[in-house]
Each structure stands twice: as C-alpha cells, then as structure tokens.
Amino acid sequence: QVQLVESGGGLVQAGGSLRLSCVVSGTIFGINAMGWYRQAPGKQRELVAVISGGGSTNYADSVKGRFTISRDNAKTTVYLQMNSLKPEDTAVYYCNVHNIWNREYWGQGTQVTVSS
C-alpha cells in the first residue's frame, strides 16, 4: 500500500524557516512530478511548488524566492525548504505525486503555522 508521509511542519515566528519532507512509502511506478500544495482555512487548495520528472521546478508567485523544492535522485523523498515565512503562509501543506499515467497520490497533510 502506498503512503506519502509528511513531516516537518510546526509553529514558527514570521521570518523563520521550516523544512518539510515527504517520504514515499511503498512503490509508485513511473513517478513523474512531485509537489507541494497548501490549504488555508476557508480557502481552496493551491499549488505551492512542483518539480517535474526532468527536474524543472515551478513555484506559486507568492513563494518565489523564499521556498525551494527538491527531491532525492531515487524520487522517494521530496522536500520543501521554506524561508522568510509570513503569517499568510499558514496552512496545511500536502505532498502530491503524479506518475506517468497521471495517477496521483496525496499525503495526509502537515500543519504550518506562522505567528506574527
């Protein structure tokens, strides 16, 4: 059974940093894109950052220059380094993985809270 296990969330003051990790437990054949989404209370889930199978990255405008997505070569772990955090970054952060057949998998979410 495949699971995406996230960790690294927590409470941090504005200006601080957190590093989220997402480990793929089990086997996903043909992993392609890996990414992070977030959902704040009362808002829709939104894409934060994604890294393609070829290694190219894309970020939401709101996090460009502050967040960095990366993954290990085996594509079993994806990271999100978050610097210069702002209160508006407060949300539940979800890991997402797509395979080449466009099946997607989601993690259970990890809470990130940024205090002002």
PDB file of N, CA and C in Angstrom:
ATOM      1  N   GLN A   1       0.842  -1.183   0.000  1.00  0.00           N
ATOM      2  CA  GLN A   1       0.000   0.000   0.000  1.00  0.00           C
ATOM      3  C   GLN A   1       0.885   1.242   0.000  1.00  0.00           C
ATOM      4  N   VAL A   2       0.587   2.182  -0.860  1.00  0.00           N
ATOM      5  CA  VAL A   2       1.389   3.384  -0.986  1.00  0.00           C
ATOM      6  C   VAL A   2       0.916   4.440  -0.007  1.00  0.00           C
ATOM      7  N   GLN A   3       1.868   5.052   0.650  1.00  0.00           N
ATOM      8  CA  GLN A   3       1.565   6.181   1.519  1.00  0.00           C
ATOM      9  C   GLN A   3       2.593   7.280   1.282  1.00  0.00           C
ATOM     10  N   LEU A   4       2.142   8.508   1.372  1.00  0.00           N
ATOM     11  CA  LEU A   4       3.037   9.655   1.372  1.00  0.00           C
ATOM     12  C   LEU A   4       3.050  10.192   2.792  1.00  0.00           C
ATOM     13  N   VAL A   5       4.220  10.160   3.423  1.00  0.00           N
ATOM     14  CA  VAL A   5       4.318  10.527   4.832  1.00  0.00           C
ATOM     15  C   VAL A   5       5.056  11.849   4.954  1.00  0.00           C
ATOM     16  N   GLU A   6       4.332  12.873   5.390  1.00  0.00           N
ATOM     17  CA  GLU A   6       4.902  14.207   5.520  1.00  0.00           C
ATOM     18  C   GLU A   6       5.381  14.450   6.940  1.00  0.00           C
ATOM     19  N   SER A   7       6.380  15.311   7.053  1.00  0.00           N
ATOM     20  CA  SER A   7       6.867  15.725   8.363  1.00  0.00           C
ATOM     21  C   SER A   7       7.515  17.098   8.226  1.00  0.00           C
ATOM     22  N   GLY A   8       7.767  17.725   9.370  1.00  0.00           N
ATOM     23  CA  GLY A   8       8.489  18.989   9.372  1.00  0.00           C
ATOM     24  C   GLY A   8       7.647  20.215   9.633  1.00  0.00           C
ATOM     25  N   GLY A   9       6.349  20.056   9.697  1.00  0.00           N
ATOM     26  CA  GLY A   9       5.513  21.204   9.983  1.00  0.00           C
ATOM     27  C   GLY A   9       5.641  21.640  11.431  1.00  0.00           C
ATOM     28  N   GLY A  10       5.030  22.776  11.743  1.00  0.00           N
ATOM     29  CA  GLY A  10       5.081  23.249  13.123  1.00  0.00           C
ATOM     30  C   GLY A  10       4.749  24.721  13.213  1.00  0.00           C
ATOM     31  N   LEU A  11       5.081  25.280  14.368  1.00  0.00           N
ATOM     32  CA  LEU A  11       4.830  26.689  14.656  1.00  0.00           C
ATOM     33  C   LEU A  11       6.155  27.441  14.581  1.00  0.00           C
ATOM     34  N   VAL A  12       6.150  28.538  13.846  1.00  0.00           N
ATOM     35  CA  VAL A  12       7.366  29.329  13.690  1.00  0.00           C
ATOM     36  C   VAL A  12       6.990  30.801  13.644  1.00  0.00           C
ATOM     37  N   GLN A  13       7.906  31.655  14.080  1.00  0.00           N
ATOM     38  CA  GLN A  13       7.665  33.091  14.012  1.00  0.00           C
ATOM     39  C   GLN A  13       7.899  33.602  12.591  1.00  0.00           C
ATOM     40  N   ALA A  14       7.257  34.692  12.275  1.00  0.00           N
ATOM     41  CA  ALA A  14       7.468  35.310  10.968  1.00  0.00           C
ATOM     42  C   ALA A  14       8.957  35.583  10.763  1.00  0.00           C
ATOM     43  N   GLY A  15       9.413  35.298   9.545  1.00  0.00           N
ATOM     44  CA  GLY A  15      10.828  35.430   9.232  1.00  0.00           C
ATOM     45  C   GLY A  15      11.625  34.160   9.420  1.00  0.00           C
ATOM     46  N   GLY A  16      11.021  33.189  10.069  1.00  0.00           N
ATOM     47  CA  GLY A  16      11.712  31.930  10.334  1.00  0.00           C
ATOM     48  C   GLY A  16      11.660  30.975   9.163  1.00  0.00           C
ATOM     49  N   SER A  17      12.186  29.772   9.408  1.00  0.00           N
ATOM     50  CA  SER A  17      12.290  28.759   8.358  1.00  0.00           C
ATOM     51  C   SER A  17      11.771  27.413   8.847  1.00  0.00           C
ATOM     52  N   LEU A  18      11.280  26.643   7.914  1.00  0.00           N
ATOM     53  CA  LEU A  18      10.908  25.252   8.155  1.00  0.00           C
ATOM     54  C   LEU A  18      11.290  24.442   6.927  1.00  0.00           C
ATOM     55  N   ARG A  19      11.527  23.157   7.133  1.00  0.00           N
ATOM     56  CA  ARG A  19      11.787  22.260   6.013  1.00  0.00           C
ATOM     57  C   ARG A  19      10.819  21.095   6.092  1.00  0.00           C
ATOM     58  N   LEU A  20       9.979  20.974   5.082  1.00  0.00           N
ATOM     59  CA  LEU A  20       9.035  19.874   5.017  1.00  0.00           C
ATOM     60  C   LEU A  20       9.657  18.720   4.233  1.00  0.00           C
ATOM     61  N   SER A  21       9.331  17.503   4.657  1.00  0.00           N
ATOM     62  CA  SER A  21       9.764  16.307   3.950  1.00  0.00           C
ATOM     63  C   SER A  21       8.555  15.440   3.658  1.00  0.00           C
ATOM     64  N   CYS A  22       8.618  14.727   2.563  1.00  0.00           N
ATOM     65  CA  CYS A  22       7.556  13.792   2.193  1.00  0.00           C
ATOM     66  C   CYS A  22       8.223  12.526   1.676  1.00  0.00           C
ATOM     67  N   VAL A  23       8.022  11.445   2.386  1.00  0.00           N
ATOM     68  CA  VAL A  23       8.619  10.159   2.016  1.00  0.00           C
ATOM     69  C   VAL A  23       7.558   9.274   1.375  1.00  0.00           C
ATOM     70  N   VAL A  24       7.907   8.711   0.230  1.00  0.00           N
ATOM     71  CA  VAL A  24       7.011   7.767  -0.435  1.00  0.00           C
ATOM     72  C   VAL A  24       7.240   6.393   0.170  1.00  0.00           C
ATOM     73  N   SER A  25       6.209   5.899   0.848  1.00  0.00           N
ATOM     74  CA  SER A  25       6.271   4.586   1.465  1.00  0.00           C
ATOM     75  C   SER A  25       5.529   3.610   0.571  1.00  0.00           C
ATOM     76  N   GLY A  26       6.205   2.560   0.129  1.00  0.00           N
ATOM     77  CA  GLY A  26       5.635   1.660  -0.862  1.00  0.00           C
ATOM     78  C   GLY A  26       6.180   2.020  -2.233  1.00  0.00           C
ATOM     79  N   THR A  27       5.666   1.391  -3.248  1.00  0.00           N
ATOM     80  CA  THR A  27       6.196   1.585  -4.605  1.00  0.00           C
ATOM     81  C   THR A  27       5.179   2.279  -5.494  1.00  0.00           C
ATOM     82  N   ILE A  28       5.605   3.367  -6.087  1.00  0.00           N
ATOM     83  CA  ILE A  28       4.819   4.040  -7.126  1.00  0.00           C
ATOM     84  C   ILE A  28       5.606   3.902  -8.419  1.00  0.00           C
ATOM     85  N   PHE A  29       5.040   3.198  -9.378  1.00  0.00           N
ATOM     86  CA  PHE A  29       5.727   3.006 -10.656  1.00  0.00           C
ATOM     87  C   PHE A  29       5.604   4.252 -11.516  1.00  0.00           C
ATOM     88  N   GLY A  30       6.698   4.597 -12.168  1.00  0.00           N
ATOM     89  CA  GLY A  30       6.666   5.703 -13.111  1.00  0.00           C
ATOM     90  C   GLY A  30       6.438   7.056 -12.480  1.00  0.00           C
ATOM     91  N   ILE A  31       7.064   7.303 -11.315  1.00  0.00           N
ATOM     92  CA  ILE A  31       6.892   8.621 -10.683  1.00  0.00           C
ATOM     93  C   ILE A  31       7.324   9.711 -11.648  1.00  0.00           C
ATOM     94  N   ASN A  32       6.506  10.727 -11.761  1.00  0.00           N
ATOM     95  CA  ASN A  32       6.828  11.866 -12.613  1.00  0.00           C
ATOM     96  C   ASN A  32       6.941  13.117 -11.746  1.00  0.00           C
ATOM     97  N   ALA A  33       5.928  13.925 -11.708  1.00  0.00           N
ATOM     98  CA  ALA A  33       6.010  15.163 -10.939  1.00  0.00           C
ATOM     99  C   ALA A  33       5.768  14.909  -9.452  1.00  0.00           C
ATOM    100  N   MET A  34       6.474  15.672  -8.633  1.00  0.00           N
ATOM    101  CA  MET A  34       6.271  15.651  -7.189  1.00  0.00           C
ATOM    102  C   MET A  34       6.093  17.093  -6.744  1.00  0.00           C
ATOM    103  N   GLY A  35       5.163  17.320  -5.849  1.00  0.00           N
ATOM    104  CA  GLY A  35       4.903  18.708  -5.494  1.00  0.00           C
ATOM    105  C   GLY A  35       4.309  18.893  -4.121  1.00  0.00           C
ATOM    106  N   TRP A  36       4.124  20.149  -3.790  1.00  0.00           N
ATOM    107  CA  TRP A  36       3.511  20.554  -2.529  1.00  0.00           C
ATOM    108  C   TRP A  36       2.349  21.498  -2.822  1.00  0.00           C
ATOM    109  N   TYR A  37       1.255  21.253  -2.128  1.00  0.00           N
ATOM    110  CA  TYR A  37       0.089  22.118  -2.162  1.00  0.00           C
ATOM    111  C   TYR A  37      -0.169  22.588  -0.744  1.00  0.00           C
ATOM    112  N   ARG A  38      -1.009  23.610  -0.612  1.00  0.00           N
ATOM    113  CA  ARG A  38      -1.410  24.045   0.721  1.00  0.00           C
ATOM    114  C   ARG A  38      -2.861  24.501   0.696  1.00  0.00           C
ATOM    115  N   GLN A  39      -3.474  24.414   1.867  1.00  0.00           N
ATOM    116  CA  GLN A  39      -4.852  24.846   2.011  1.00  0.00           C
ATOM    117  C   GLN A  39      -4.997  25.592   3.325  1.00  0.00           C
ATOM    118  N   ALA A  40      -5.333  26.862   3.220  1.00  0.00           N
ATOM    119  CA  ALA A  40      -5.577  27.682   4.402  1.00  0.00           C
ATOM    120  C   ALA A  40      -7.062  27.602   4.753  1.00  0.00           C
ATOM    121  N   PRO A  41      -7.421  27.890   5.997  1.00  0.00           N
ATOM    122  CA  PRO A  41      -8.835  27.821   6.398  1.00  0.00           C
ATOM    123  C   PRO A  41      -9.714  28.700   5.512  1.00  0.00           C
ATOM    124  N   GLY A  42     -10.785  28.123   4.998  1.00  0.00           N
ATOM    125  CA  GLY A  42     -11.724  28.875   4.185  1.00  0.00           C
ATOM    126  C   GLY A  42     -11.271  29.127   2.764  1.00  0.00           C
ATOM    127  N   LYS A  43     -10.133  28.550   2.383  1.00  0.00           N
ATOM    128  CA  LYS A  43      -9.614  28.773   1.037  1.00  0.00           C
ATOM    129  C   LYS A  43      -9.455  27.447   0.304  1.00  0.00           C
ATOM    130  N   GLN A  44      -9.348  27.536  -1.019  1.00  0.00           N
ATOM    131  CA  GLN A  44      -9.132  26.341  -1.817  1.00  0.00           C
ATOM    132  C   GLN A  44      -7.678  25.901  -1.732  1.00  0.00           C
ATOM    133  N   ARG A  45      -7.481  24.618  -1.976  1.00  0.00           N
ATOM    134  CA  ARG A  45      -6.122  24.097  -2.026  1.00  0.00           C
ATOM    135  C   ARG A  45      -5.406  24.703  -3.229  1.00  0.00           C
ATOM    136  N   GLU A  46      -4.145  25.103  -3.020  1.00  0.00           N
ATOM    137  CA  GLU A  46      -3.396  25.745  -4.100  1.00  0.00           C
ATOM    138  C   GLU A  46      -2.010  25.118  -4.241  1.00  0.00           C
ATOM    139  N   LEU A  47      -1.515  25.165  -5.464  1.00  0.00           N
ATOM    140  CA  LEU A  47      -0.169  24.659  -5.720  1.00  0.00           C
ATOM    141  C   LEU A  47       0.855  25.618  -5.134  1.00  0.00           C
ATOM    142  N   VAL A  48       1.830  25.057  -4.427  1.00  0.00           N
ATOM    143  CA  VAL A  48       2.925  25.850  -3.875  1.00  0.00           C
ATOM    144  C   VAL A  48       4.168  25.702  -4.763  1.00  0.00           C
ATOM    145  N   ALA A  49       4.538  24.449  -5.025  1.00  0.00           N
ATOM    146  CA  ALA A  49       5.748  24.203  -5.813  1.00  0.00           C
ATOM    147  C   ALA A  49       5.670  22.801  -6.391  1.00  0.00           C
ATOM    148  N   VAL A  50       6.297  22.622  -7.547  1.00  0.00           N
ATOM    149  CA  VAL A  50       6.312  21.315  -8.182  1.00  0.00           C
ATOM    150  C   VAL A  50       7.669  21.110  -8.851  1.00  0.00           C
ATOM    151  N   ILE A  51       8.122  19.869  -8.829  1.00  0.00           N
ATOM    152  CA  ILE A  51       9.349  19.500  -9.530  1.00  0.00           C
ATOM    153  C   ILE A  51       8.994  18.391 -10.504  1.00  0.00           C
ATOM    154  N   SER A  52       9.326  18.577 -11.764  1.00  0.00           N
ATOM    155  CA  SER A  52       8.935  17.619 -12.794  1.00  0.00           C
ATOM    156  C   SER A  52       9.862  16.407 -12.798  1.00  0.00           C
ATOM    157  N   GLY A  53       9.500  15.432 -13.596  1.00  0.00           N
ATOM    158  CA  GLY A  53      10.345  14.256 -13.720  1.00  0.00           C
ATOM    159  C   GLY A  53      11.738  14.594 -14.217  1.00  0.00           C
ATOM    160  N   GLY A  54      11.840  15.627 -15.021  1.00  0.00           N
ATOM    161  CA  GLY A  54      13.139  16.048 -15.543  1.00  0.00           C
ATOM    162  C   GLY A  54      13.890  16.985 -14.622  1.00  0.00           C
ATOM    163  N   GLY A  55      13.261  17.377 -13.532  1.00  0.00           N
ATOM    164  CA  GLY A  55      13.943  18.210 -12.548  1.00  0.00           C
ATOM    165  C   GLY A  55      13.645  19.695 -12.632  1.00  0.00           C
ATOM    166  N   SER A  56      12.833  20.107 -13.577  1.00  0.00           N
ATOM    167  CA  SER A  56      12.486  21.522 -13.630  1.00  0.00           C
ATOM    168  C   SER A  56      11.492  21.843 -12.519  1.00  0.00           C
ATOM    169  N   THR A  57      11.526  23.073 -12.058  1.00  0.00           N
ATOM    170  CA  THR A  57      10.695  23.474 -10.925  1.00  0.00           C
ATOM    171  C   THR A  57       9.779  24.630 -11.300  1.00  0.00           C
ATOM    172  N   ASN A  58       8.686  24.711 -10.572  1.00  0.00           N
ATOM    173  CA  ASN A  58       7.742  25.797 -10.770  1.00  0.00           C
ATOM    174  C   ASN A  58       7.175  26.175  -9.414  1.00  0.00           C
ATOM    175  N   TYR A  59       6.967  27.467  -9.198  1.00  0.00           N
ATOM    176  CA  TYR A  59       6.516  27.957  -7.899  1.00  0.00           C
ATOM    177  C   TYR A  59       5.336  28.900  -8.048  1.00  0.00           C
ATOM    178  N   ALA A  60       4.508  28.932  -7.031  1.00  0.00           N
ATOM    179  CA  ALA A  60       3.494  29.967  -6.951  1.00  0.00           C
ATOM    180  C   ALA A  60       4.197  31.306  -6.794  1.00  0.00           C
ATOM    181  N   ASP A  61       3.622  32.350  -7.376  1.00  0.00           N
ATOM    182  CA  ASP A  61       4.246  33.670  -7.302  1.00  0.00           C
ATOM    183  C   ASP A  61       4.469  34.097  -5.851  1.00  0.00           C
ATOM    184  N   SER A  62       3.566  33.709  -4.979  1.00  0.00           N
ATOM    185  CA  SER A  62       3.622  34.159  -3.587  1.00  0.00           C
ATOM    186  C   SER A  62       4.802  33.583  -2.815  1.00  0.00           C
ATOM    187  N   VAL A  63       5.426  32.525  -3.332  1.00  0.00           N
ATOM    188  CA  VAL A  63       6.530  31.907  -2.596  1.00  0.00           C
ATOM    189  C   VAL A  63       7.854  31.976  -3.347  1.00  0.00           C
ATOM    190  N   LYS A  64       7.846  32.503  -4.550  1.00  0.00           N
ATOM    191  CA  LYS A  64       9.085  32.579  -5.338  1.00  0.00           C
ATOM    192  C   LYS A  64      10.150  33.373  -4.583  1.00  0.00           C
ATOM    193  N   GLY A  65      11.358  32.820  -4.585  1.00  0.00           N
ATOM    194  CA  GLY A  65      12.458  33.472  -3.888  1.00  0.00           C
ATOM    195  C   GLY A  65      12.542  33.136  -2.414  1.00  0.00           C
ATOM    196  N   ARG A  66      11.511  32.499  -1.870  1.00  0.00           N
ATOM    197  CA  ARG A  66      11.516  32.138  -0.441  1.00  0.00           C
ATOM    198  C   ARG A  66      11.504  30.628  -0.227  1.00  0.00           C
ATOM    199  N   PHE A  67      10.821  29.908  -1.103  1.00  0.00           N
ATOM    200  CA  PHE A  67      10.691  28.456  -0.958  1.00  0.00           C
ATOM    201  C   PHE A  67      11.509  27.759  -2.038  1.00  0.00           C
ATOM    202  N   THR A  68      12.029  26.582  -1.706  1.00  0.00           N
ATOM    203  CA  THR A  68      12.780  25.774  -2.660  1.00  0.00           C
ATOM    204  C   THR A  68      12.323  24.321  -2.555  1.00  0.00           C
ATOM    205  N   ILE A  69      11.939  23.750  -3.692  1.00  0.00           N
ATOM    206  CA  ILE A  69      11.550  22.349  -3.735  1.00  0.00           C
ATOM    207  C   ILE A  69      12.726  21.532  -4.272  1.00  0.00           C
ATOM    208  N   SER A  70      12.898  20.345  -3.714  1.00  0.00           N
ATOM    209  CA  SER A  70      13.947  19.448  -4.185  1.00  0.00           C
ATOM    210  C   SER A  70      13.510  18.014  -3.926  1.00  0.00           C
ATOM    211  N   ARG A  71      14.223  17.087  -4.486  1.00  0.00           N
ATOM    212  CA  ARG A  71      13.918  15.674  -4.251  1.00  0.00           C
ATOM    213  C   ARG A  71      15.208  14.865  -4.321  1.00  0.00           C
ATOM    214  N   ASP A  72      15.162  13.657  -3.810  1.00  0.00           N
ATOM    215  CA  ASP A  72      16.320  12.788  -3.921  1.00  0.00           C
ATOM    216  C   ASP A  72      16.299  12.108  -5.290  1.00  0.00           C
ATOM    217  N   ASN A  73      17.453  11.581  -5.701  1.00  0.00           N
ATOM    218  CA  ASN A  73      17.570  11.003  -7.043  1.00  0.00           C
ATOM    219  C   ASN A  73      16.659   9.804  -7.255  1.00  0.00           C
ATOM    220  N   ALA A  74      16.389   9.090  -6.189  1.00  0.00           N
ATOM    221  CA  ALA A  74      15.532   7.906  -6.305  1.00  0.00           C
ATOM    222  C   ALA A  74      14.054   8.266  -6.356  1.00  0.00           C
ATOM    223  N   LYS A  75      13.763   9.567  -6.217  1.00  0.00           N
ATOM    224  CA  LYS A  75      12.370  10.036  -6.239  1.00  0.00           C
ATOM    225  C   LYS A  75      11.534   9.351  -5.151  1.00  0.00           C
ATOM    226  N   THR A  76      12.162   9.156  -3.991  1.00  0.00           N
ATOM    227  CA  THR A  76      11.394   8.608  -2.881  1.00  0.00           C
ATOM    228  C   THR A  76      11.081   9.654  -1.833  1.00  0.00           C
ATOM    229  N   THR A  77      11.739  10.803  -1.920  1.00  0.00           N
ATOM    230  CA  THR A  77      11.529  11.869  -0.951  1.00  0.00           C
ATOM    231  C   THR A  77      11.524  13.209  -1.667  1.00  0.00           C
ATOM    232  N   VAL A  78      10.587  14.045  -1.298  1.00  0.00           N
ATOM    233  CA  VAL A  78      10.539  15.411  -1.822  1.00  0.00           C
ATOM    234  C   VAL A  78      10.554  16.369  -0.642  1.00  0.00           C
ATOM    235  N   TYR A  79      11.270  17.459  -0.800  1.00  0.00           N
ATOM    236  CA  TYR A  79      11.447  18.423   0.279  1.00  0.00           C
ATOM    237  C   TYR A  79      10.890  19.788  -0.128  1.00  0.00           C
ATOM    238  N   LEU A  80      10.553  20.566   0.874  1.00  0.00           N
ATOM    239  CA  LEU A  80      10.198  21.957   0.651  1.00  0.00           C
ATOM    240  C   LEU A  80      10.888  22.781   1.725  1.00  0.00           C
ATOM    241  N   GLN A  81      11.915  23.516   1.320  1.00  0.00           N
ATOM    242  CA  GLN A  81      12.597  24.434   2.228  1.00  0.00           C
ATOM    243  C   GLN A  81      11.866  25.763   2.174  1.00  0.00           C
ATOM    244  N   MET A  82      11.393  26.206   3.324  1.00  0.00           N
ATOM    245  CA  MET A  82      10.608  27.433   3.403  1.00  0.00           C
ATOM    246  C   MET A  82      11.352  28.438   4.256  1.00  0.00           C
ATOM    247  N   ASN A  83      11.760  29.536   3.653  1.00  0.00           N
ATOM    248  CA  ASN A  83      12.472  30.606   4.360  1.00  0.00           C
ATOM    249  C   ASN A  83      11.641  31.878   4.368  1.00  0.00           C
ATOM    250  N   SER A  84      12.012  32.795   5.223  1.00  0.00           N
ATOM    251  CA  SER A  84      11.316  34.093   5.317  1.00  0.00           C
ATOM    252  C   SER A  84       9.806  33.892   5.395  1.00  0.00           C
ATOM    253  N   LEU A  85       9.384  33.016   6.259  1.00  0.00           N
ATOM    254  CA  LEU A  85       7.966  32.685   6.354  1.00  0.00           C
ATOM    255  C   LEU A  85       7.143  33.878   6.817  1.00  0.00           C
ATOM    256  N   LYS A  86       5.925  33.942   6.287  1.00  0.00           N
ATOM    257  CA  LYS A  86       4.994  35.015   6.593  1.00  0.00           C
ATOM    258  C   LYS A  86       3.725  34.415   7.199  1.00  0.00           C
ATOM    259  N   PRO A  87       2.980  35.205   7.967  1.00  0.00           N
ATOM    260  CA  PRO A  87       1.720  34.679   8.526  1.00  0.00           C
ATOM    261  C   PRO A  87       0.784  34.140   7.448  1.00  0.00           C
ATOM    262  N   GLU A  88       0.810  34.719   6.263  1.00  0.00           N
ATOM    263  CA  GLU A  88      -0.068  34.239   5.188  1.00  0.00           C
ATOM    264  C   GLU A  88       0.365  32.894   4.612  1.00  0.00           C
ATOM    265  N   ASP A  89       1.507  32.389   5.032  1.00  0.00           N
ATOM    266  CA  ASP A  89       1.914  31.040   4.646  1.00  0.00           C
ATOM    267  C   ASP A  89       1.266  29.971   5.533  1.00  0.00           C
ATOM    268  N   THR A  90       0.565  30.394   6.562  1.00  0.00           N
ATOM    269  CA  THR A  90      -0.105  29.454   7.459  1.00  0.00           C
ATOM    270  C   THR A  90      -1.135  28.628   6.697  1.00  0.00           C
ATOM    271  N   ALA A  91      -1.003  27.316   6.775  1.00  0.00           N
ATOM    272  CA  ALA A  91      -1.888  26.414   6.038  1.00  0.00           C
ATOM    273  C   ALA A  91      -1.522  24.975   6.377  1.00  0.00           C
ATOM    274  N   VAL A  92      -2.363  24.060   5.927  1.00  0.00           N
ATOM    275  CA  VAL A  92      -1.982  22.654   5.914  1.00  0.00           C
ATOM    276  C   VAL A  92      -1.285  22.393   4.580  1.00  0.00           C
ATOM    277  N   TYR A  93      -0.115  21.823   4.639  1.00  0.00           N
ATOM    278  CA  TYR A  93       0.686  21.557   3.441  1.00  0.00           C
ATOM    279  C   TYR A  93       0.588  20.073   3.092  1.00  0.00           C
ATOM    280  N   TYR A  94       0.294  19.808   1.830  1.00  0.00           N
ATOM    281  CA  TYR A  94       0.096  18.451   1.343  1.00  0.00           C
ATOM    282  C   TYR A  94       1.128  18.096   0.282  1.00  0.00           C
ATOM    283  N   CYS A  95       1.643  16.903   0.390  1.00  0.00           N
ATOM    284  CA  CYS A  95       2.534  16.350  -0.621  1.00  0.00           C
ATOM    285  C   CYS A  95       1.701  15.687  -1.712  1.00  0.00           C
ATOM    286  N   ASN A  96       2.148  15.803  -2.946  1.00  0.00           N
ATOM    287  CA  ASN A  96       1.425  15.238  -4.084  1.00  0.00           C
ATOM    288  C   ASN A  96       2.420  14.606  -5.045  1.00  0.00           C
ATOM    289  N   VAL A  97       2.074  13.441  -5.530  1.00  0.00           N
ATOM    290  CA  VAL A  97       2.922  12.742  -6.504  1.00  0.00           C
ATOM    291  C   VAL A  97       2.057  12.292  -7.675  1.00  0.00           C
ATOM    292  N   HIS A  98       2.543  12.548  -8.890  1.00  0.00           N
ATOM    293  CA  HIS A  98       1.897  12.042 -10.105  1.00  0.00           C
ATOM    294  C   HIS A  98       2.798  11.009 -10.747  1.00  0.00           C
ATOM    295  N   ASN A  99       2.205   9.973 -11.326  1.00  0.00           N
ATOM    296  CA  ASN A  99       3.027   9.095 -12.131  1.00  0.00           C
ATOM    297  C   ASN A  99       2.778   9.384 -13.622  1.00  0.00           C
ATOM    298  N   ILE A 100       3.488   8.646 -14.477  1.00  0.00           N
ATOM    299  CA  ILE A 100       3.438   8.961 -15.907  1.00  0.00           C
ATOM    300  C   ILE A 100       2.090   8.601 -16.529  1.00  0.00           C
ATOM    301  N   TRP A 101       1.269   7.854 -15.792  1.00  0.00           N
ATOM    302  CA  TRP A 101      -0.090   7.562 -16.251  1.00  0.00           C
ATOM    303  C   TRP A 101      -1.100   8.514 -15.630  1.00  0.00           C
ATOM    304  N   ASN A 102      -0.559   9.558 -15.020  1.00  0.00           N
ATOM    305  CA  ASN A 102      -1.348  10.640 -14.430  1.00  0.00           C
ATOM    306  C   ASN A 102      -2.184  10.209 -13.235  1.00  0.00           C
ATOM    307  N   ARG A 103      -1.841   9.116 -12.614  1.00  0.00           N
ATOM    308  CA  ARG A 103      -2.464   8.792 -11.332  1.00  0.00           C
ATOM    309  C   ARG A 103      -1.769   9.636 -10.267  1.00  0.00           C
ATOM    310  N   GLU A 104      -2.543  10.149  -9.327  1.00  0.00           N
ATOM    311  CA  GLU A 104      -1.945  10.982  -8.304  1.00  0.00           C
ATOM    312  C   GLU A 104      -2.186  10.435  -6.912  1.00  0.00           C
ATOM    313  N   TYR A 105      -1.267  10.782  -6.050  1.00  0.00           N
ATOM    314  CA  TYR A 105      -1.285  10.340  -4.662  1.00  0.00           C
ATOM    315  C   TYR A 105      -1.128  11.570  -3.769  1.00  0.00           C
ATOM    316  N   TRP A 106      -1.764  11.521  -2.584  1.00  0.00           N
ATOM    317  CA  TRP A 106      -1.705  12.649  -1.650  1.00  0.00           C
ATOM    318  C   TRP A 106      -1.253  12.175  -0.284  1.00  0.00           C
ATOM    319  N   GLY A 107      -0.528  13.053   0.388  1.00  0.00           N
ATOM    320  CA  GLY A 107      -0.207  12.821   1.781  1.00  0.00           C
ATOM    321  C   GLY A 107      -1.355  13.277   2.663  1.00  0.00           C
ATOM    322  N   GLN A 108      -1.187  13.068   3.965  1.00  0.00           N
ATOM    323  CA  GLN A 108      -2.258  13.389   4.911  1.00  0.00           C
ATOM    324  C   GLN A 108      -2.233  14.851   5.338  1.00  0.00           C
ATOM    325  N   GLY A 109      -1.160  15.543   5.020  1.00  0.00           N
ATOM    326  CA  GLY A 109      -1.053  16.957   5.352  1.00  0.00           C
ATOM    327  C   GLY A 109      -0.263  17.201   6.625  1.00  0.00           C
ATOM    328  N   THR A 110       0.432  18.325   6.659  1.00  0.00           N
ATOM    329  CA  THR A 110       1.157  18.743   7.855  1.00  0.00           C
ATOM    330  C   THR A 110       0.894  20.234   8.067  1.00  0.00           C
ATOM    331  N   GLN A 111       0.601  20.587   9.310  1.00  0.00           N
ATOM    332  CA  GLN A 111       0.216  21.964   9.619  1.00  0.00           C
ATOM    333  C   GLN A 111       1.455  22.848   9.740  1.00  0.00           C
ATOM    334  N   VAL A 112       1.401  23.983   9.082  1.00  0.00           N
ATOM    335  CA  VAL A 112       2.412  25.023   9.229  1.00  0.00           C
ATOM    336  C   VAL A 112       1.713  26.277   9.732  1.00  0.00           C
ATOM    337  N   THR A 113       2.172  26.786  10.867  1.00  0.00           N
ATOM    338  CA  THR A 113       1.592  27.987  11.451  1.00  0.00           C
ATOM    339  C   THR A 113       2.687  29.014  11.646  1.00  0.00           C
ATOM    340  N   VAL A 114       2.483  30.192  11.081  1.00  0.00           N
ATOM    341  CA  VAL A 114       3.462  31.269  11.189  1.00  0.00           C
ATOM    342  C   VAL A 114       2.845  32.394  12.005  1.00  0.00           C
ATOM    343  N   SER A 115       3.454  32.696  13.132  1.00  0.00           N
ATOM    344  CA  SER A 115       2.934  33.745  14.011  1.00  0.00           C
ATOM    345  C   SER A 115       3.588  35.080  13.671  1.00  0.00           C
ATOM    346  N   SER A 116       2.817  36.137  13.865  1.00  0.00           N
ATOM    347  CA  SER A 116       3.328  37.487  13.539  1.00  0.00           C
ATOM    348  C   SER A 116       4.035  38.104  14.727  1.00  0.00           C
TER     349      SER A 116
END
